[in-house]
């Protein structure tokens, strides 16, 4: 297997949490399965700058797998709404992205 994850891991997250992972996010995880950005500061569509320390990996066996993070955040009486997906971490916590077609 390459550095990326397999379709089955992403499908499992979608089925378990009843979400649809956006195509761009799927492509990133299929290629890299999380990882560390070369440049940790990104400009968002809103003009703000965002820092990313790491992208949360999908499959088990990594420090912060997406499935465990999502399960933890959803289990605590909706720390995050169903239409957000944690995909990265930074010094202040997890970064979440809005899922297409939801909320």
Protein backbone atom coordinates (compact mmCIF):
# COMPACT_ATOMS: atom_id res chain seq x y z
CA UNK A 1 0.00 0.00 0.00
CA UNK A 2 1.21 3.53 -0.73
CA UNK A 3 1.34 6.39 1.78
CA UNK A 4 -2.35 7.01 1.14
CA UNK A 5 -5.29 5.15 2.58
CA UNK A 6 -7.62 2.72 0.84
CA UNK A 7 -11.18 3.50 -0.27
CA UNK A 8 -12.53 1.10 2.35
CA UNK A 9 -11.25 3.22 5.24
CA UNK A 10 -13.01 6.31 3.91
CA UNK A 11 -16.16 4.32 3.18
CA UNK A 12 -16.15 3.06 6.76
CA UNK A 13 -16.04 6.62 8.15
CA UNK A 14 -18.89 7.66 5.85
CA UNK A 15 -21.05 4.70 6.79
CA UNK A 16 -20.35 4.79 10.51
CA UNK A 17 -21.03 8.52 10.88
CA UNK A 18 -23.56 8.97 8.05
CA UNK A 19 -21.47 11.57 6.26
CA UNK A 20 -20.33 12.16 2.69
CA UNK A 21 -16.66 13.12 2.52
CA UNK A 22 -16.09 15.76 -0.19
CA UNK A 23 -14.20 14.58 -3.29
CA UNK A 24 -11.25 16.92 -2.63
CA UNK A 25 -10.82 15.52 0.88
CA UNK A 26 -11.13 11.92 -0.38
CA UNK A 27 -8.42 12.61 -2.98
CA UNK A 28 -6.08 14.00 -0.31
CA UNK A 29 -6.57 10.99 1.96
CA UNK A 30 -6.23 8.49 -0.87
CA UNK A 31 -2.90 10.10 -1.76
CA UNK A 32 -1.50 10.95 1.67
CA UNK A 33 -3.72 9.60 4.50
CA UNK A 34 -3.24 12.76 6.50
CA UNK A 35 0.32 13.87 6.91
CA UNK A 36 2.15 17.10 7.54
CA UNK A 37 1.95 20.11 5.20
CA UNK A 38 5.13 21.61 3.76
CA UNK A 39 3.73 25.10 4.44
CA UNK A 40 1.66 25.14 7.63
CA UNK A 41 -0.17 28.44 7.01
CA UNK A 42 -3.03 28.63 4.51
CA UNK A 43 -5.23 31.49 3.34
CA UNK A 44 -8.90 30.60 3.56
CA UNK A 45 -11.63 31.67 1.18
CA UNK A 46 -12.68 34.17 3.84
CA UNK A 47 -9.31 35.95 3.67
CA UNK A 48 -8.22 34.65 7.07
CA UNK A 49 -5.00 32.71 7.65
CA UNK A 50 -5.18 29.22 9.11
CA UNK A 51 -2.39 27.17 10.60
CA UNK A 52 -2.31 23.40 10.11
CA UNK A 53 0.14 21.27 12.09
CA UNK A 54 -1.05 17.92 10.72
CA UNK A 55 -3.88 16.34 8.78
CA UNK A 56 -5.64 13.70 10.88
CA UNK A 57 -4.96 10.24 9.41
CA UNK A 58 -7.86 7.95 8.53
CA UNK A 59 -6.72 4.42 9.30
CA UNK A 60 -6.10 2.95 12.76
CA UNK A 61 -2.56 2.71 14.03
CA UNK A 62 -1.81 6.42 13.78
CA UNK A 63 -1.68 8.89 16.64
CA UNK A 64 -5.00 10.63 15.88
CA UNK A 65 -7.15 8.61 13.48
CA UNK A 66 -10.09 10.49 12.03
CA UNK A 67 -12.63 7.87 13.07
CA UNK A 68 -11.63 8.01 16.74
CA UNK A 69 -11.49 11.81 16.74
CA UNK A 70 -14.89 12.09 15.10
CA UNK A 71 -16.39 9.51 17.44
CA UNK A 72 -15.02 11.32 20.48
CA UNK A 73 -16.30 14.73 19.36
CA UNK A 74 -19.75 13.39 18.47
CA UNK A 75 -20.15 11.27 21.61
CA UNK A 76 -19.86 14.25 23.95
CA UNK A 77 -23.38 15.58 23.34
CA UNK A 78 -22.60 17.18 20.03
CA UNK A 79 -19.33 18.98 20.65
CA UNK A 80 -19.43 19.40 16.89
CA UNK A 81 -22.54 19.25 14.69
CA UNK A 82 -23.07 16.37 12.24
CA UNK A 83 -22.21 18.56 9.27
CA UNK A 84 -18.61 19.19 10.37
CA UNK A 85 -15.73 16.79 9.76
CA UNK A 86 -12.47 17.09 11.73
CA UNK A 87 -9.65 16.85 9.21
CA UNK A 88 -6.64 18.58 10.71
CA UNK A 89 -5.06 19.67 13.95
CA UNK A 90 -3.32 22.83 15.05
CA UNK A 91 -2.13 24.29 18.32
CA UNK A 92 -5.63 25.29 19.42
CA UNK A 93 -7.35 21.99 18.62
CA UNK A 94 -8.99 20.34 15.63
CA UNK A 95 -9.89 22.08 12.40
CA UNK A 96 -13.20 21.03 10.89
CA UNK A 97 -14.61 21.39 7.40
CA UNK A 98 -18.23 21.66 6.35
CA UNK A 99 -19.57 18.60 4.58
CA UNK A 100 -21.21 19.26 1.21
CA UNK A 101 -24.99 19.23 1.15
CA UNK A 102 -25.36 19.37 4.91
CA UNK A 103 -26.48 22.22 7.17
